[in-house]
N, C-alpha and C. Protein backbone atom coordinates (compact mmCIF):
# COMPACT_ATOMS: atom_id res chain seq x y z
N UNK A 1 14.62 39.67 -35.06
CA UNK A 1 15.91 39.36 -34.45
C UNK A 1 16.98 39.35 -35.54
N UNK A 2 18.11 39.88 -35.22
CA UNK A 2 19.21 40.01 -36.17
C UNK A 2 19.90 38.66 -36.40
N UNK A 3 20.16 38.34 -37.67
CA UNK A 3 20.88 37.11 -38.01
C UNK A 3 22.37 37.30 -37.68
N UNK A 4 22.97 36.34 -37.03
CA UNK A 4 24.36 36.48 -36.64
C UNK A 4 25.29 35.52 -37.37
N UNK A 5 24.73 34.44 -37.94
CA UNK A 5 25.53 33.47 -38.69
C UNK A 5 26.65 32.86 -37.86
N UNK A 6 26.41 32.66 -36.57
CA UNK A 6 27.43 32.07 -35.72
C UNK A 6 27.10 30.64 -35.32
N UNK A 7 26.03 30.09 -35.88
CA UNK A 7 25.66 28.72 -35.59
C UNK A 7 24.75 28.55 -34.38
N UNK A 8 24.36 29.62 -33.73
CA UNK A 8 23.53 29.55 -32.54
C UNK A 8 22.10 30.03 -32.78
N UNK A 9 21.70 30.21 -34.03
CA UNK A 9 20.35 30.71 -34.31
C UNK A 9 19.27 29.76 -33.81
N UNK A 10 19.50 28.44 -33.89
CA UNK A 10 18.52 27.49 -33.37
C UNK A 10 18.36 27.61 -31.86
N UNK A 11 19.46 27.86 -31.18
CA UNK A 11 19.42 28.05 -29.73
C UNK A 11 18.63 29.31 -29.40
N UNK A 12 18.91 30.37 -30.13
CA UNK A 12 18.20 31.63 -29.90
C UNK A 12 16.70 31.48 -30.15
N UNK A 13 16.33 30.63 -31.09
CA UNK A 13 14.91 30.40 -31.37
C UNK A 13 14.23 29.51 -30.35
N UNK A 14 15.01 28.70 -29.64
CA UNK A 14 14.43 27.73 -28.71
C UNK A 14 14.36 28.24 -27.27
N UNK A 15 15.14 29.27 -26.94
CA UNK A 15 15.21 29.76 -25.56
C UNK A 15 14.90 31.25 -25.50
N UNK A 16 14.33 31.71 -24.39
CA UNK A 16 14.06 33.14 -24.23
C UNK A 16 15.35 33.91 -23.95
N UNK A 17 15.32 35.23 -24.06
CA UNK A 17 16.54 36.03 -23.85
C UNK A 17 17.05 36.02 -22.41
N UNK A 18 16.19 35.79 -21.43
CA UNK A 18 16.59 35.68 -20.03
C UNK A 18 16.24 34.27 -19.57
N UNK A 19 17.24 33.57 -19.03
CA UNK A 19 17.08 32.16 -18.69
C UNK A 19 17.11 31.93 -17.18
N UNK A 20 16.40 30.89 -16.77
CA UNK A 20 16.48 30.42 -15.39
C UNK A 20 17.63 29.42 -15.29
N UNK A 21 17.95 29.04 -14.07
CA UNK A 21 18.99 28.03 -13.86
C UNK A 21 18.61 26.73 -14.56
N UNK A 22 17.36 26.34 -14.48
CA UNK A 22 16.91 25.10 -15.12
C UNK A 22 17.05 25.17 -16.64
N UNK A 23 16.76 26.32 -17.22
CA UNK A 23 16.90 26.47 -18.68
C UNK A 23 18.36 26.41 -19.11
N UNK A 24 19.25 27.01 -18.33
CA UNK A 24 20.68 26.94 -18.64
C UNK A 24 21.15 25.49 -18.52
N UNK A 25 20.69 24.80 -17.49
CA UNK A 25 21.06 23.39 -17.33
C UNK A 25 20.59 22.57 -18.53
N UNK A 26 19.39 22.83 -19.00
CA UNK A 26 18.88 22.13 -20.19
C UNK A 26 19.72 22.46 -21.42
N UNK A 27 19.99 23.73 -21.62
CA UNK A 27 20.76 24.18 -22.78
C UNK A 27 22.15 23.56 -22.80
N UNK A 28 22.81 23.52 -21.66
CA UNK A 28 24.18 23.02 -21.58
C UNK A 28 24.28 21.54 -21.24
N UNK A 29 23.13 20.90 -21.04
CA UNK A 29 23.08 19.48 -20.66
C UNK A 29 23.88 19.24 -19.38
N UNK A 30 23.59 20.08 -18.38
CA UNK A 30 24.24 19.98 -17.07
C UNK A 30 23.18 19.85 -16.00
N UNK A 31 23.60 19.47 -14.82
CA UNK A 31 22.74 19.44 -13.65
C UNK A 31 22.55 20.87 -13.16
N UNK A 32 21.38 21.19 -12.60
CA UNK A 32 21.15 22.55 -12.11
C UNK A 32 22.14 22.93 -11.01
N UNK A 33 22.53 21.98 -10.19
CA UNK A 33 23.50 22.27 -9.13
C UNK A 33 24.85 22.69 -9.74
N UNK A 34 25.23 22.06 -10.84
CA UNK A 34 26.47 22.42 -11.53
C UNK A 34 26.37 23.83 -12.08
N UNK A 35 25.23 24.18 -12.66
CA UNK A 35 25.02 25.54 -13.18
C UNK A 35 25.13 26.56 -12.05
N UNK A 36 24.52 26.27 -10.91
CA UNK A 36 24.61 27.19 -9.77
C UNK A 36 26.05 27.36 -9.31
N UNK A 37 26.79 26.28 -9.24
CA UNK A 37 28.20 26.35 -8.84
C UNK A 37 28.99 27.20 -9.84
N UNK A 38 28.73 27.00 -11.12
CA UNK A 38 29.45 27.75 -12.16
C UNK A 38 29.06 29.23 -12.13
N UNK A 39 27.82 29.53 -11.79
CA UNK A 39 27.40 30.93 -11.67
C UNK A 39 28.07 31.59 -10.46
N UNK A 40 28.12 30.86 -9.37
CA UNK A 40 28.71 31.42 -8.15
C UNK A 40 30.21 31.69 -8.30
N UNK A 41 30.91 30.83 -9.06
CA UNK A 41 32.36 31.05 -9.21
C UNK A 41 32.71 31.84 -10.47
N UNK A 42 31.70 32.29 -11.21
CA UNK A 42 31.93 33.18 -12.33
C UNK A 42 32.19 32.53 -13.68
N UNK A 43 32.12 31.21 -13.76
CA UNK A 43 32.35 30.56 -15.05
C UNK A 43 31.22 30.81 -16.03
N UNK A 44 30.01 31.02 -15.50
CA UNK A 44 28.86 31.41 -16.34
C UNK A 44 28.36 32.74 -15.80
N UNK A 45 28.34 33.78 -16.63
CA UNK A 45 27.85 35.08 -16.17
C UNK A 45 26.39 34.99 -15.74
N UNK A 46 26.07 35.56 -14.59
CA UNK A 46 24.71 35.53 -14.07
C UNK A 46 24.42 36.83 -13.33
N UNK A 47 23.13 37.07 -13.13
CA UNK A 47 22.67 38.21 -12.35
C UNK A 47 21.77 37.69 -11.24
N UNK A 48 21.75 38.45 -10.16
CA UNK A 48 20.86 38.10 -9.05
C UNK A 48 20.38 39.40 -8.44
N UNK A 49 19.08 39.55 -8.36
CA UNK A 49 18.51 40.75 -7.78
C UNK A 49 18.80 40.78 -6.28
N UNK A 50 19.03 41.96 -5.77
CA UNK A 50 19.33 42.12 -4.35
C UNK A 50 18.21 41.51 -3.51
N UNK A 51 18.60 40.69 -2.55
CA UNK A 51 17.63 40.05 -1.68
C UNK A 51 17.05 38.76 -2.25
N UNK A 52 17.46 38.40 -3.44
CA UNK A 52 16.96 37.19 -4.08
C UNK A 52 18.03 36.12 -4.09
N UNK A 53 17.61 34.89 -4.03
CA UNK A 53 18.56 33.78 -4.13
C UNK A 53 18.62 33.23 -5.55
N UNK A 54 17.70 33.69 -6.39
CA UNK A 54 17.58 33.18 -7.75
C UNK A 54 18.55 33.85 -8.71
N UNK A 55 19.21 33.04 -9.52
CA UNK A 55 20.08 33.57 -10.57
C UNK A 55 19.29 33.71 -11.86
N UNK A 56 19.65 34.69 -12.66
CA UNK A 56 19.10 34.87 -14.00
C UNK A 56 20.29 34.98 -14.95
N UNK A 57 20.12 34.44 -16.13
CA UNK A 57 21.20 34.37 -17.11
C UNK A 57 20.73 34.97 -18.42
N UNK A 58 21.56 35.79 -19.04
CA UNK A 58 21.25 36.29 -20.37
C UNK A 58 21.69 35.25 -21.39
N UNK A 59 20.79 34.91 -22.28
CA UNK A 59 21.09 33.90 -23.30
C UNK A 59 22.36 34.26 -24.06
N UNK A 60 22.51 35.52 -24.42
CA UNK A 60 23.70 35.94 -25.19
C UNK A 60 24.97 35.78 -24.37
N UNK A 61 24.89 35.94 -23.04
CA UNK A 61 26.06 35.70 -22.19
C UNK A 61 26.44 34.22 -22.19
N UNK A 62 25.44 33.35 -22.13
CA UNK A 62 25.71 31.91 -22.13
C UNK A 62 26.32 31.51 -23.48
N UNK A 63 25.75 32.03 -24.56
CA UNK A 63 26.31 31.75 -25.89
C UNK A 63 27.74 32.28 -25.98
N UNK A 64 27.96 33.48 -25.47
CA UNK A 64 29.31 34.06 -25.48
C UNK A 64 30.30 33.22 -24.68
N UNK A 65 29.85 32.66 -23.57
CA UNK A 65 30.70 31.79 -22.77
C UNK A 65 31.06 30.54 -23.55
N UNK A 66 30.09 29.97 -24.25
CA UNK A 66 30.37 28.79 -25.08
C UNK A 66 31.40 29.12 -26.16
N UNK A 67 31.23 30.25 -26.80
CA UNK A 67 32.16 30.66 -27.86
C UNK A 67 33.57 30.88 -27.31
N UNK A 68 33.65 31.49 -26.13
CA UNK A 68 34.95 31.82 -25.55
C UNK A 68 35.70 30.59 -25.02
N UNK A 69 35.00 29.50 -24.84
CA UNK A 69 35.61 28.32 -24.25
C UNK A 69 35.60 27.13 -25.19
N UNK A 70 35.77 27.40 -26.46
CA UNK A 70 35.80 26.31 -27.45
C UNK A 70 37.04 25.45 -27.24
N UNK A 71 36.85 24.17 -27.42
CA UNK A 71 37.95 23.22 -27.30
C UNK A 71 38.45 22.91 -28.70
N UNK A 72 39.76 23.03 -28.87
CA UNK A 72 40.34 22.71 -30.17
C UNK A 72 41.06 21.37 -30.06
N UNK A 73 40.96 20.57 -31.12
CA UNK A 73 41.61 19.28 -31.06
C UNK A 73 43.13 19.41 -30.94
N UNK A 74 43.69 18.51 -30.21
CA UNK A 74 45.16 18.51 -30.05
C UNK A 74 45.79 18.19 -31.41
N UNK A 75 46.94 18.74 -31.63
CA UNK A 75 47.66 18.46 -32.89
C UNK A 75 47.97 16.97 -32.98
N UNK A 76 47.74 16.41 -34.13
CA UNK A 76 48.00 15.00 -34.34
C UNK A 76 49.49 14.83 -34.60
N UNK A 77 50.09 13.95 -33.78
CA UNK A 77 51.52 13.70 -33.94
C UNK A 77 51.74 12.68 -35.04
N UNK A 78 52.71 12.91 -35.89
CA UNK A 78 52.96 12.04 -37.04
C UNK A 78 54.00 11.07 -36.85
């Protein structure tokens, strides 16, 4: 696996490349129902095979979502 130096190497080592809803919930410390809601409204990229109710998530997509939604501290007023 290629080193990326983005701080997510431990996550990549702990989770498979394709995740279930439960694995995403564990990774993000969320409830599975919240993950499903976020997948349905597009906040977390997901795939679903035709005729299936199950969502699948690419680990790199979840990591990319985390990177794209970083919170920066508000400027401290002096």
